[in-house]
PDB file of N, CA and C in Angstrom:
ATOM      1  N   MET A   1      14.137 189.450 198.164  1.00  0.00           N
ATOM      2  CA  MET A   1      14.323 189.390 196.722  1.00  0.00           C
ATOM      3  C   MET A   1      14.240 187.936 196.270  1.00  0.00           C
ATOM      4  N   ALA A   2      13.230 187.635 195.491  1.00  0.00           N
ATOM      5  CA  ALA A   2      13.015 186.273 195.022  1.00  0.00           C
ATOM      6  C   ALA A   2      13.450 186.106 193.572  1.00  0.00           C
ATOM      7  N   MET A   3      14.021 187.197 192.981  1.00  0.00           N
ATOM      8  CA  MET A   3      14.298 187.181 191.552  1.00  0.00           C
ATOM      9  C   MET A   3      15.716 187.647 191.249  1.00  0.00           C
ATOM     10  N   HIS A   4      16.369 186.907 190.349  1.00  0.00           N
ATOM     11  CA  HIS A   4      17.685 187.278 189.843  1.00  0.00           C
ATOM     12  C   HIS A   4      17.501 187.719 188.393  1.00  0.00           C
ATOM     13  N   SER A   5      18.160 188.804 188.008  1.00  0.00           N
ATOM     14  CA  SER A   5      18.029 189.344 186.659  1.00  0.00           C
ATOM     15  C   SER A   5      19.393 189.369 185.971  1.00  0.00           C
ATOM     16  N   GLU A   6      19.410 188.933 184.703  1.00  0.00           N
ATOM     17  CA  GLU A   6      20.651 188.933 183.922  1.00  0.00           C
ATOM     18  C   GLU A   6      20.359 189.573 182.566  1.00  0.00           C
ATOM     19  N   ASP A   7      20.928 190.750 182.324  1.00  0.00           N
ATOM     20  CA  ASP A   7      20.692 191.470 181.073  1.00  0.00           C
ATOM     21  C   ASP A   7      21.606 190.963 179.967  1.00  0.00           C
ATOM     22  N   LYS A   8      21.010 190.646 178.823  1.00  0.00           N
ATOM     23  CA  LYS A   8      21.742 190.263 177.613  1.00  0.00           C
ATOM     24  C   LYS A   8      21.413 191.287 176.541  1.00  0.00           C
ATOM     25  N   GLU A   9      22.050 191.175 175.390  1.00  0.00           N
ATOM     26  CA  GLU A   9      21.843 192.168 174.332  1.00  0.00           C
ATOM     27  C   GLU A   9      20.390 192.232 173.852  1.00  0.00           C
ATOM     28  N   ASP A  10      19.785 191.061 173.590  1.00  0.00           N
ATOM     29  CA  ASP A  10      18.438 191.034 173.012  1.00  0.00           C
ATOM     30  C   ASP A  10      17.341 190.630 173.980  1.00  0.00           C
ATOM     31  N   TYR A  11      17.692 190.316 175.217  1.00  0.00           N
ATOM     32  CA  TYR A  11      16.697 189.812 176.166  1.00  0.00           C
ATOM     33  C   TYR A  11      17.216 189.935 177.597  1.00  0.00           C
ATOM     34  N   VAL A  12      16.304 189.710 178.532  1.00  0.00           N
ATOM     35  CA  VAL A  12      16.641 189.673 179.951  1.00  0.00           C
ATOM     36  C   VAL A  12      16.229 188.297 180.471  1.00  0.00           C
ATOM     37  N   ILE A  13      17.141 187.639 181.202  1.00  0.00           N
ATOM     38  CA  ILE A  13      16.817 186.358 181.821  1.00  0.00           C
ATOM     39  C   ILE A  13      16.476 186.621 183.283  1.00  0.00           C
ATOM     40  N   LEU A  14      15.302 186.209 183.692  1.00  0.00           N
ATOM     41  CA  LEU A  14      14.872 186.336 185.076  1.00  0.00           C
ATOM     42  C   LEU A  14      14.746 184.932 185.650  1.00  0.00           C
ATOM     43  N   SER A  15      15.322 184.727 186.824  1.00  0.00           N
ATOM     44  CA  SER A  15      15.231 183.405 187.446  1.00  0.00           C
ATOM     45  C   SER A  15      15.010 183.568 188.941  1.00  0.00           C
ATOM     46  N   PRO A  16      14.339 182.588 189.552  1.00  0.00           N
ATOM     47  CA  PRO A  16      14.099 182.669 190.991  1.00  0.00           C
ATOM     48  C   PRO A  16      15.384 182.417 191.782  1.00  0.00           C
ATOM     49  N   VAL A  17      15.483 183.086 192.921  1.00  0.00           N
ATOM     50  CA  VAL A  17      16.580 182.833 193.849  1.00  0.00           C
ATOM     51  C   VAL A  17      16.147 181.654 194.708  1.00  0.00           C
ATOM     52  N   LEU A  18      16.877 180.548 194.588  1.00  0.00           N
ATOM     53  CA  LEU A  18      16.429 179.304 195.208  1.00  0.00           C
ATOM     54  C   LEU A  18      16.817 179.164 196.669  1.00  0.00           C
ATOM     55  N   LYS A  19      17.769 179.944 197.125  1.00  0.00           N
ATOM     56  CA  LYS A  19      18.255 179.801 198.506  1.00  0.00           C
ATOM     57  C   LYS A  19      17.183 180.092 199.542  1.00  0.00           C
ATOM     58  N   GLU A  20      16.296 181.032 199.220  1.00  0.00           N
ATOM     59  CA  GLU A  20      15.348 181.524 200.216  1.00  0.00           C
ATOM     60  C   GLU A  20      14.240 180.528 200.554  1.00  0.00           C
ATOM     61  N   VAL A  21      13.822 179.726 199.578  1.00  0.00           N
ATOM     62  CA  VAL A  21      12.660 178.870 199.761  1.00  0.00           C
ATOM     63  C   VAL A  21      12.986 177.480 199.241  1.00  0.00           C
ATOM     64  N   LYS A  22      12.399 176.486 199.852  1.00  0.00           N
ATOM     65  CA  LYS A  22      12.692 175.110 199.455  1.00  0.00           C
ATOM     66  C   LYS A  22      11.665 174.528 198.488  1.00  0.00           C
ATOM     67  N   GLU A  23      10.400 174.867 198.608  1.00  0.00           N
ATOM     68  CA  GLU A  23       9.366 174.235 197.803  1.00  0.00           C
ATOM     69  C   GLU A  23       9.107 174.996 196.504  1.00  0.00           C
ATOM     70  N   ALA A  24       8.950 174.254 195.415  1.00  0.00           N
ATOM     71  CA  ALA A  24       8.755 174.853 194.095  1.00  0.00           C
ATOM     72  C   ALA A  24       7.545 175.780 194.074  1.00  0.00           C
ATOM     73  N   ASP A  25       6.453 175.371 194.723  1.00  0.00           N
ATOM     74  CA  ASP A  25       5.253 176.210 194.718  1.00  0.00           C
ATOM     75  C   ASP A  25       5.539 177.580 195.318  1.00  0.00           C
ATOM     76  N   GLN A  26       6.219 177.594 196.440  1.00  0.00           N
ATOM     77  CA  GLN A  26       6.540 178.868 197.101  1.00  0.00           C
ATOM     78  C   GLN A  26       7.489 179.697 196.253  1.00  0.00           C
ATOM     79  N   ILE A  27       8.467 179.052 195.649  1.00  0.00           N
ATOM     80  CA  ILE A  27       9.446 179.763 194.827  1.00  0.00           C
ATOM     81  C   ILE A  27       8.730 180.514 193.710  1.00  0.00           C
ATOM     82  N   LEU A  28       7.863 179.828 192.992  1.00  0.00           N
ATOM     83  CA  LEU A  28       7.190 180.454 191.857  1.00  0.00           C
ATOM     84  C   LEU A  28       6.176 181.498 192.289  1.00  0.00           C
ATOM     85  N   GLU A  29       5.520 181.297 193.421  1.00  0.00           N
ATOM     86  CA  GLU A  29       4.573 182.301 193.909  1.00  0.00           C
ATOM     87  C   GLU A  29       5.304 183.589 194.308  1.00  0.00           C
ATOM     88  N   LEU A  30       6.410 183.451 195.019  1.00  0.00           N
ATOM     89  CA  LEU A  30       7.204 184.634 195.395  1.00  0.00           C
ATOM     90  C   LEU A  30       7.769 185.329 194.159  1.00  0.00           C
ATOM     91  N   PHE A  31       8.270 184.538 193.226  1.00  0.00           N
ATOM     92  CA  PHE A  31       8.821 185.075 191.987  1.00  0.00           C
ATOM     93  C   PHE A  31       7.737 185.833 191.217  1.00  0.00           C
ATOM     94  N   PHE A  32       6.540 185.221 191.108  1.00  0.00           N
ATOM     95  CA  PHE A  32       5.432 185.853 190.399  1.00  0.00           C
ATOM     96  C   PHE A  32       5.063 187.189 191.045  1.00  0.00           C
ATOM     97  N   ALA A  33       4.974 187.207 192.370  1.00  0.00           N
ATOM     98  CA  ALA A  33       4.610 188.441 193.082  1.00  0.00           C
ATOM     99  C   ALA A  33       5.625 189.544 192.803  1.00  0.00           C
ATOM    100  N   GLU A  34       6.905 189.191 192.824  1.00  0.00           N
ATOM    101  CA  GLU A  34       7.941 190.195 192.575  1.00  0.00           C
ATOM    102  C   GLU A  34       7.933 190.661 191.120  1.00  0.00           C
ATOM    103  N   LEU A  35       7.737 189.722 190.196  1.00  0.00           N
ATOM    104  CA  LEU A  35       7.695 190.092 188.779  1.00  0.00           C
ATOM    105  C   LEU A  35       6.511 191.012 188.501  1.00  0.00           C
ATOM    106  N   LYS A  36       5.363 190.713 189.112  1.00  0.00           N
ATOM    107  CA  LYS A  36       4.176 191.543 188.931  1.00  0.00           C
ATOM    108  C   LYS A  36       4.446 192.987 189.368  1.00  0.00           C
ATOM    109  N   GLU A  37       5.169 193.136 190.478  1.00  0.00           N
ATOM    110  CA  GLU A  37       5.521 194.468 190.977  1.00  0.00           C
ATOM    111  C   GLU A  37       6.474 195.198 190.035  1.00  0.00           C
ATOM    112  N   LYS A  38       7.404 194.471 189.453  1.00  0.00           N
ATOM    113  CA  LYS A  38       8.496 195.092 188.691  1.00  0.00           C
ATOM    114  C   LYS A  38       8.337 194.997 187.181  1.00  0.00           C
ATOM    115  N   ILE A  39       7.218 194.460 186.690  1.00  0.00           N
ATOM    116  CA  ILE A  39       7.089 194.189 185.260  1.00  0.00           C
ATOM    117  C   ILE A  39       7.268 195.445 184.410  1.00  0.00           C
ATOM    118  N   SER A  40       6.871 196.588 184.900  1.00  0.00           N
ATOM    119  CA  SER A  40       7.004 197.816 184.103  1.00  0.00           C
ATOM    120  C   SER A  40       8.462 198.140 183.784  1.00  0.00           C
ATOM    121  N   THR A  41       9.383 197.691 184.636  1.00  0.00           N
ATOM    122  CA  THR A  41      10.809 197.953 184.364  1.00  0.00           C
ATOM    123  C   THR A  41      11.333 197.083 183.216  1.00  0.00           C
ATOM    124  N   PHE A  42      10.557 196.062 182.831  1.00  0.00           N
ATOM    125  CA  PHE A  42      10.977 195.164 181.757  1.00  0.00           C
ATOM    126  C   PHE A  42      10.129 195.323 180.496  1.00  0.00           C
ATOM    127  N   SER A  43       9.316 196.388 180.432  1.00  0.00           N
ATOM    128  CA  SER A  43       8.368 196.533 179.322  1.00  0.00           C
ATOM    129  C   SER A  43       9.053 196.711 177.969  1.00  0.00           C
ATOM    130  N   SER A  44      10.311 197.121 177.960  1.00  0.00           N
ATOM    131  CA  SER A  44      11.003 197.293 176.682  1.00  0.00           C
ATOM    132  C   SER A  44      11.949 196.131 176.385  1.00  0.00           C
ATOM    133  N   SER A  45      11.813 195.041 177.137  1.00  0.00           N
ATOM    134  CA  SER A  45      12.726 193.902 176.981  1.00  0.00           C
ATOM    135  C   SER A  45      11.988 192.622 176.609  1.00  0.00           C
ATOM    136  N   ASN A  46      12.658 191.792 175.821  1.00  0.00           N
ATOM    137  CA  ASN A  46      12.213 190.413 175.639  1.00  0.00           C
ATOM    138  C   ASN A  46      12.580 189.685 176.919  1.00  0.00           C
ATOM    139  N   LEU A  47      11.681 188.845 177.420  1.00  0.00           N
ATOM    140  CA  LEU A  47      11.926 188.182 178.703  1.00  0.00           C
ATOM    141  C   LEU A  47      12.003 186.668 178.579  1.00  0.00           C
ATOM    142  N   ILE A  48      12.965 186.116 179.298  1.00  0.00           N
ATOM    143  CA  ILE A  48      13.047 184.676 179.485  1.00  0.00           C
ATOM    144  C   ILE A  48      12.937 184.437 180.981  1.00  0.00           C
ATOM    145  N   LEU A  49      11.941 183.653 181.396  1.00  0.00           N
ATOM    146  CA  LEU A  49      11.838 183.244 182.793  1.00  0.00           C
ATOM    147  C   LEU A  49      12.461 181.862 182.878  1.00  0.00           C
ATOM    148  N   ASP A  50      13.579 181.772 183.569  1.00  0.00           N
ATOM    149  CA  ASP A  50      14.323 180.518 183.630  1.00  0.00           C
ATOM    150  C   ASP A  50      13.997 179.770 184.919  1.00  0.00           C
ATOM    151  N   PHE A  51      13.130 178.764 184.788  1.00  0.00           N
ATOM    152  CA  PHE A  51      12.756 177.929 185.927  1.00  0.00           C
ATOM    153  C   PHE A  51      13.449 176.568 185.861  1.00  0.00           C
ATOM    154  N   SER A  52      14.546 176.480 185.115  1.00  0.00           N
ATOM    155  CA  SER A  52      15.214 175.190 184.912  1.00  0.00           C
ATOM    156  C   SER A  52      15.777 174.605 186.207  1.00  0.00           C
ATOM    157  N   GLN A  53      16.029 175.440 187.203  1.00  0.00           N
ATOM    158  CA  GLN A  53      16.555 174.952 188.483  1.00  0.00           C
ATOM    159  C   GLN A  53      15.452 174.596 189.476  1.00  0.00           C
ATOM    160  N   VAL A  54      14.213 174.873 189.101  1.00  0.00           N
ATOM    161  CA  VAL A  54      13.076 174.581 189.987  1.00  0.00           C
ATOM    162  C   VAL A  54      12.556 173.188 189.637  1.00  0.00           C
ATOM    163  N   VAL A  55      12.602 172.279 190.618  1.00  0.00           N
ATOM    164  CA  VAL A  55      12.153 170.905 190.357  1.00  0.00           C
ATOM    165  C   VAL A  55      10.654 170.769 190.625  1.00  0.00           C
ATOM    166  N   ASN A  56      10.028 169.878 189.908  1.00  0.00           N
ATOM    167  CA  ASN A  56       8.601 169.585 190.082  1.00  0.00           C
ATOM    168  C   ASN A  56       7.720 170.821 189.925  1.00  0.00           C
ATOM    169  N   THR A  57       7.943 171.554 188.853  1.00  0.00           N
ATOM    170  CA  THR A  57       7.142 172.745 188.596  1.00  0.00           C
ATOM    171  C   THR A  57       5.720 172.342 188.221  1.00  0.00           C
ATOM    172  N   ASP A  58       4.768 172.931 188.896  1.00  0.00           N
ATOM    173  CA  ASP A  58       3.351 172.652 188.678  1.00  0.00           C
ATOM    174  C   ASP A  58       2.824 173.531 187.536  1.00  0.00           C
ATOM    175  N   VAL A  59       2.090 172.922 186.628  1.00  0.00           N
ATOM    176  CA  VAL A  59       1.538 173.656 185.487  1.00  0.00           C
ATOM    177  C   VAL A  59       0.684 174.838 185.945  1.00  0.00           C
ATOM    178  N   THR A  60      -0.069 174.674 187.027  1.00  0.00           N
ATOM    179  CA  THR A  60      -0.924 175.775 187.487  1.00  0.00           C
ATOM    180  C   THR A  60      -0.090 176.987 187.884  1.00  0.00           C
ATOM    181  N   LYS A  61       1.123 176.759 188.381  1.00  0.00           N
ATOM    182  CA  LYS A  61       2.001 177.888 188.737  1.00  0.00           C
ATOM    183  C   LYS A  61       2.529 178.573 187.475  1.00  0.00           C
ATOM    184  N   ILE A  62       2.796 177.783 186.445  1.00  0.00           N
ATOM    185  CA  ILE A  62       3.241 178.344 185.165  1.00  0.00           C
ATOM    186  C   ILE A  62       2.128 179.215 184.572  1.00  0.00           C
ATOM    187  N   LEU A  63       0.887 178.772 184.716  1.00  0.00           N
ATOM    188  CA  LEU A  63      -0.251 179.512 184.156  1.00  0.00           C
ATOM    189  C   LEU A  63      -0.437 180.878 184.809  1.00  0.00           C
ATOM    190  N   LEU A  64       0.101 181.071 186.014  1.00  0.00           N
ATOM    191  CA  LEU A  64       0.048 182.385 186.664  1.00  0.00           C
ATOM    192  C   LEU A  64       0.634 183.467 185.762  1.00  0.00           C
ATOM    193  N   PHE A  65       1.620 183.085 184.951  1.00  0.00           N
ATOM    194  CA  PHE A  65       2.365 184.059 184.151  1.00  0.00           C
ATOM    195  C   PHE A  65       1.684 184.404 182.829  1.00  0.00           C
ATOM    196  N   SER A  66       0.556 183.778 182.552  1.00  0.00           N
ATOM    197  CA  SER A  66      -0.151 184.014 181.297  1.00  0.00           C
ATOM    198  C   SER A  66      -0.520 185.490 181.063  1.00  0.00           C
ATOM    199  N   PRO A  67      -1.091 186.192 182.059  1.00  0.00           N
ATOM    200  CA  PRO A  67      -1.423 187.609 181.825  1.00  0.00           C
ATOM    201  C   PRO A  67      -0.181 188.469 181.536  1.00  0.00           C
ATOM    202  N   ILE A  68       0.917 188.173 182.207  1.00  0.00           N
ATOM    203  CA  ILE A  68       2.151 188.942 181.980  1.00  0.00           C
ATOM    204  C   ILE A  68       2.656 188.669 180.568  1.00  0.00           C
ATOM    205  N   SER A  69       2.567 187.415 180.142  1.00  0.00           N
ATOM    206  CA  SER A  69       2.968 187.049 178.783  1.00  0.00           C
ATOM    207  C   SER A  69       2.158 187.852 177.765  1.00  0.00           C
ATOM    208  N   GLY A  70       0.844 187.927 177.990  1.00  0.00           N
ATOM    209  CA  GLY A  70      -0.021 188.680 177.089  1.00  0.00           C
ATOM    210  C   GLY A  70       0.351 190.150 177.019  1.00  0.00           C
ATOM    211  N   LYS A  71       0.663 190.739 178.173  1.00  0.00           N
ATOM    212  CA  LYS A  71       1.056 192.159 178.198  1.00  0.00           C
ATOM    213  C   LYS A  71       2.352 192.383 177.437  1.00  0.00           C
ATOM    214  N   GLN A  72       3.333 191.481 177.614  1.00  0.00           N
ATOM    215  CA  GLN A  72       4.614 191.622 176.904  1.00  0.00           C
ATOM    216  C   GLN A  72       4.382 191.514 175.399  1.00  0.00           C
ATOM    217  N   LYS A  73       3.548 190.564 174.993  1.00  0.00           N
ATOM    218  CA  LYS A  73       3.278 190.392 173.560  1.00  0.00           C
ATOM    219  C   LYS A  73       2.536 191.617 172.999  1.00  0.00           C
ATOM    220  N   ASP A  74       1.649 192.229 173.807  1.00  0.00           N
ATOM    221  CA  ASP A  74       0.968 193.460 173.388  1.00  0.00           C
ATOM    222  C   ASP A  74       1.978 194.584 173.153  1.00  0.00           C
ATOM    223  N   LEU A  75       3.082 194.539 173.893  1.00  0.00           N
ATOM    224  CA  LEU A  75       4.147 195.536 173.744  1.00  0.00           C
ATOM    225  C   LEU A  75       5.132 195.139 172.639  1.00  0.00           C
ATOM    226  N   ASN A  76       4.792 194.080 171.900  1.00  0.00           N
ATOM    227  CA  ASN A  76       5.631 193.572 170.814  1.00  0.00           C
ATOM    228  C   ASN A  76       6.968 193.027 171.321  1.00  0.00           C
ATOM    229  N   LYS A  77       6.919 192.385 172.471  1.00  0.00           N
ATOM    230  CA  LYS A  77       8.106 191.774 173.080  1.00  0.00           C
ATOM    231  C   LYS A  77       7.859 190.288 173.309  1.00  0.00           C
ATOM    232  N   SER A  78       8.929 189.516 173.296  1.00  0.00           N
ATOM    233  CA  SER A  78       8.829 188.069 173.514  1.00  0.00           C
ATOM    234  C   SER A  78       8.780 187.753 174.998  1.00  0.00           C
ATOM    235  N   PHE A  79       8.146 186.629 175.310  1.00  0.00           N
ATOM    236  CA  PHE A  79       8.030 186.153 176.687  1.00  0.00           C
ATOM    237  C   PHE A  79       8.083 184.630 176.629  1.00  0.00           C
ATOM    238  N   VAL A  80       9.173 184.054 177.144  1.00  0.00           N
ATOM    239  CA  VAL A  80       9.381 182.613 177.064  1.00  0.00           C
ATOM    240  C   VAL A  80       9.721 182.074 178.455  1.00  0.00           C
ATOM    241  N   ILE A  81       9.119 180.953 178.809  1.00  0.00           N
ATOM    242  CA  ILE A  81       9.396 180.294 180.094  1.00  0.00           C
ATOM    243  C   ILE A  81      10.196 179.029 179.832  1.00  0.00           C
ATOM    244  N   VAL A  82      11.277 178.851 180.593  1.00  0.00           N
ATOM    245  CA  VAL A  82      12.086 177.634 180.515  1.00  0.00           C
ATOM    246  C   VAL A  82      11.722 176.761 181.707  1.00  0.00           C
ATOM    247  N   SER A  83      11.174 175.584 181.408  1.00  0.00           N
ATOM    248  CA  SER A  83      10.810 174.647 182.464  1.00  0.00           C
ATOM    249  C   SER A  83      10.740 173.246 181.876  1.00  0.00           C
ATOM    250  N   GLU A  84      11.451 172.316 182.471  1.00  0.00           N
ATOM    251  CA  GLU A  84      11.446 170.933 181.982  1.00  0.00           C
ATOM    252  C   GLU A  84      10.233 170.183 182.509  1.00  0.00           C
ATOM    253  N   GLY A  85       9.814 169.175 181.768  1.00  0.00           N
ATOM    254  CA  GLY A  85       8.781 168.267 182.246  1.00  0.00           C
ATOM    255  C   GLY A  85       7.372 168.812 182.224  1.00  0.00           C
ATOM    256  N   ILE A  86       7.152 169.903 181.508  1.00  0.00           N
ATOM    257  CA  ILE A  86       5.799 170.462 181.410  1.00  0.00           C
ATOM    258  C   ILE A  86       5.134 169.871 180.175  1.00  0.00           C
ATOM    259  N   ASN A  87       3.925 169.369 180.338  1.00  0.00           N
ATOM    260  CA  ASN A  87       3.173 168.806 179.232  1.00  0.00           C
ATOM    261  C   ASN A  87       2.646 169.950 178.365  1.00  0.00           C
ATOM    262  N   ALA A  88       3.103 170.009 177.127  1.00  0.00           N
ATOM    263  CA  ALA A  88       2.726 171.098 176.221  1.00  0.00           C
ATOM    264  C   ALA A  88       1.225 171.177 176.003  1.00  0.00           C
ATOM    265  N   ASP A  89       0.525 170.041 176.115  1.00  0.00           N
ATOM    266  CA  ASP A  89      -0.929 170.025 175.917  1.00  0.00           C
ATOM    267  C   ASP A  89      -1.668 170.771 177.023  1.00  0.00           C
ATOM    268  N   GLU A  90      -1.021 170.971 178.173  1.00  0.00           N
ATOM    269  CA  GLU A  90      -1.664 171.652 179.299  1.00  0.00           C
ATOM    270  C   GLU A  90      -1.402 173.161 179.292  1.00  0.00           C
ATOM    271  N   ILE A  91      -0.608 173.620 178.332  1.00  0.00           N
ATOM    272  CA  ILE A  91      -0.225 175.030 178.264  1.00  0.00           C
ATOM    273  C   ILE A  91      -1.024 175.707 177.149  1.00  0.00           C
ATOM    274  N   PRO A  92      -1.662 176.851 177.449  1.00  0.00           N
ATOM    275  CA  PRO A  92      -2.403 177.560 176.394  1.00  0.00           C
ATOM    276  C   PRO A  92      -1.443 178.050 175.296  1.00  0.00           C
ATOM    277  N   GLU A  93      -1.985 178.201 174.113  1.00  0.00           N
ATOM    278  CA  GLU A  93      -1.183 178.566 172.939  1.00  0.00           C
ATOM    279  C   GLU A  93      -0.417 179.878 173.115  1.00  0.00           C
ATOM    280  N   GLU A  94      -1.001 180.833 173.837  1.00  0.00           N
ATOM    281  CA  GLU A  94      -0.357 182.142 173.977  1.00  0.00           C
ATOM    282  C   GLU A  94       0.844 182.137 174.938  1.00  0.00           C
ATOM    283  N   LEU A  95       1.035 181.044 175.642  1.00  0.00           N
ATOM    284  CA  LEU A  95       2.150 180.942 176.590  1.00  0.00           C
ATOM    285  C   LEU A  95       3.214 180.022 175.993  1.00  0.00           C
ATOM    286  N   VAL A  96       4.451 180.517 175.898  1.00  0.00           N
ATOM    287  CA  VAL A  96       5.531 179.730 175.306  1.00  0.00           C
ATOM    288  C   VAL A  96       6.387 179.137 176.429  1.00  0.00           C
ATOM    289  N   VAL A  97       6.396 177.799 176.506  1.00  0.00           N
ATOM    290  CA  VAL A  97       7.193 177.091 177.514  1.00  0.00           C
ATOM    291  C   VAL A  97       8.081 176.097 176.781  1.00  0.00           C
ATOM    292  N   VAL A  98       9.382 176.185 177.027  1.00  0.00           N
ATOM    293  CA  VAL A  98      10.356 175.292 176.399  1.00  0.00           C
ATOM    294  C   VAL A  98      11.230 174.653 177.468  1.00  0.00           C
ATOM    295  N   PRO A  99      11.841 173.490 177.167  1.00  0.00           N
ATOM    296  CA  PRO A  99      12.626 172.793 178.189  1.00  0.00           C
ATOM    297  C   PRO A  99      14.049 173.317 178.415  1.00  0.00           C
ATOM    298  N   THR A 100      14.609 174.094 177.470  1.00  0.00           N
ATOM    299  CA  THR A 100      15.999 174.546 177.652  1.00  0.00           C
ATOM    300  C   THR A 100      16.146 176.039 177.396  1.00  0.00           C
ATOM    301  N   LEU A 101      17.170 176.605 177.997  1.00  0.00           N
ATOM    302  CA  LEU A 101      17.471 178.026 177.805  1.00  0.00           C
ATOM    303  C   LEU A 101      17.819 178.304 176.346  1.00  0.00           C
ATOM    304  N   GLN A 102      18.555 177.399 175.708  1.00  0.00           N
ATOM    305  CA  GLN A 102      18.916 177.600 174.297  1.00  0.00           C
ATOM    306  C   GLN A 102      17.679 177.688 173.410  1.00  0.00           C
ATOM    307  N   GLU A 103      16.685 176.858 173.679  1.00  0.00           N
ATOM    308  CA  GLU A 103      15.440 176.923 172.900  1.00  0.00           C
ATOM    309  C   GLU A 103      14.741 178.261 173.114  1.00  0.00           C
ATOM    310  N   ALA A 104      14.777 178.774 174.338  1.00  0.00           N
ATOM    311  CA  ALA A 104      14.166 180.079 174.626  1.00  0.00           C
ATOM    312  C   ALA A 104      14.872 181.182 173.845  1.00  0.00           C
ATOM    313  N   ILE A 105      16.189 181.129 173.818  1.00  0.00           N
ATOM    314  CA  ILE A 105      16.975 182.126 173.068  1.00  0.00           C
ATOM    315  C   ILE A 105      16.652 182.031 171.581  1.00  0.00           C
ATOM    316  N   ASP A 106      16.547 180.796 171.060  1.00  0.00           N
ATOM    317  CA  ASP A 106      16.213 180.600 169.646  1.00  0.00           C
ATOM    318  C   ASP A 106      14.838 181.186 169.324  1.00  0.00           C
ATOM    319  N   ILE A 107      13.865 180.996 170.198  1.00  0.00           N
ATOM    320  CA  ILE A 107      12.520 181.541 169.968  1.00  0.00           C
ATOM    321  C   ILE A 107      12.562 183.065 169.927  1.00  0.00           C
ATOM    322  N   ILE A 108      13.312 183.658 170.839  1.00  0.00           N
ATOM    323  CA  ILE A 108      13.418 185.126 170.831  1.00  0.00           C
ATOM    324  C   ILE A 108      14.071 185.604 169.541  1.00  0.00           C
ATOM    325  N   ASP A 109      15.120 184.911 169.095  1.00  0.00           N
ATOM    326  CA  ASP A 109      15.763 185.272 167.823  1.00  0.00           C
ATOM    327  C   ASP A 109      14.770 185.199 166.663  1.00  0.00           C
ATOM    328  N   ILE A 110      13.991 184.118 166.613  1.00  0.00           N
ATOM    329  CA  ILE A 110      13.003 183.946 165.539  1.00  0.00           C
ATOM    330  C   ILE A 110      11.935 185.033 165.608  1.00  0.00           C
ATOM    331  N   GLU A 111      11.434 185.317 166.814  1.00  0.00           N
ATOM    332  CA  GLU A 111      10.389 186.347 166.962  1.00  0.00           C
ATOM    333  C   GLU A 111      10.934 187.736 166.608  1.00  0.00           C
ATOM    334  N   ASN A 112      12.208 187.998 166.923  1.00  0.00           N
ATOM    335  CA  ASN A 112      12.813 189.279 166.538  1.00  0.00           C
ATOM    336  C   ASN A 112      12.870 189.413 165.018  1.00  0.00           C
ATOM    337  N   ILE A 113      13.243 188.325 164.341  1.00  0.00           N
ATOM    338  CA  ILE A 113      13.295 188.340 162.878  1.00  0.00           C
ATOM    339  C   ILE A 113      11.900 188.554 162.298  1.00  0.00           C
ATOM    340  N   GLU A 114      10.908 187.846 162.863  1.00  0.00           N
ATOM    341  CA  GLU A 114       9.526 188.014 162.388  1.00  0.00           C
ATOM    342  C   GLU A 114       9.058 189.456 162.578  1.00  0.00           C
ATOM    343  N   ARG A 115       9.385 190.063 163.707  1.00  0.00           N
ATOM    344  CA  ARG A 115       8.988 191.465 163.943  1.00  0.00           C
ATOM    345  C   ARG A 115       9.673 192.387 162.950  1.00  0.00           C
ATOM    346  N   ASP A 116      10.965 192.123 162.693  1.00  0.00           N
ATOM    347  CA  ASP A 116      11.696 192.931 161.714  1.00  0.00           C
ATOM    348  C   ASP A 116      11.083 192.826 160.307  1.00  0.00           C
ATOM    349  N   LEU A 117      10.565 191.638 159.997  1.00  0.00           N
ATOM    350  CA  LEU A 117       9.959 191.418 158.681  1.00  0.00           C
ATOM    351  C   LEU A 117       8.489 191.822 158.629  1.00  0.00           C
ATOM    352  N   GLY A 118       7.944 192.189 159.794  1.00  0.00           N
ATOM    353  CA  GLY A 118       6.543 192.593 159.857  1.00  0.00           C
ATOM    354  C   GLY A 118       5.570 191.429 159.813  1.00  0.00           C
ATOM    355  N   ILE A 119       6.018 190.258 160.235  1.00  0.00           N
ATOM    356  CA  ILE A 119       5.161 189.060 160.212  1.00  0.00           C
ATOM    357  C   ILE A 119       4.349 189.003 161.499  1.00  0.00           C
TER     358      ILE A 119
END
């Protein structure tokens, strides 16, 4: 199990289990593989992927999650990645990456309001 899940009222926080692997690349690859297998169980949830404990996160590993982000958005659900030190210019527009968990929660709140208003 490479993934920890924490259910909240408006979203689910998913984070990698860091004990099993030491290198950031391996952590995110294992996490991605597990999320890909289990994504259908989260299809009705707004998702926050919390990588704040993963040091030296590579942008190419973050980009792995782009297709999953697109699927969640197609289901009218939010998908936000928390990762510090990522250059926003290297991230495609459809992928939301923020440096803090609070910012991720704020984005989900805003997107929920926009959906409620039909924006």
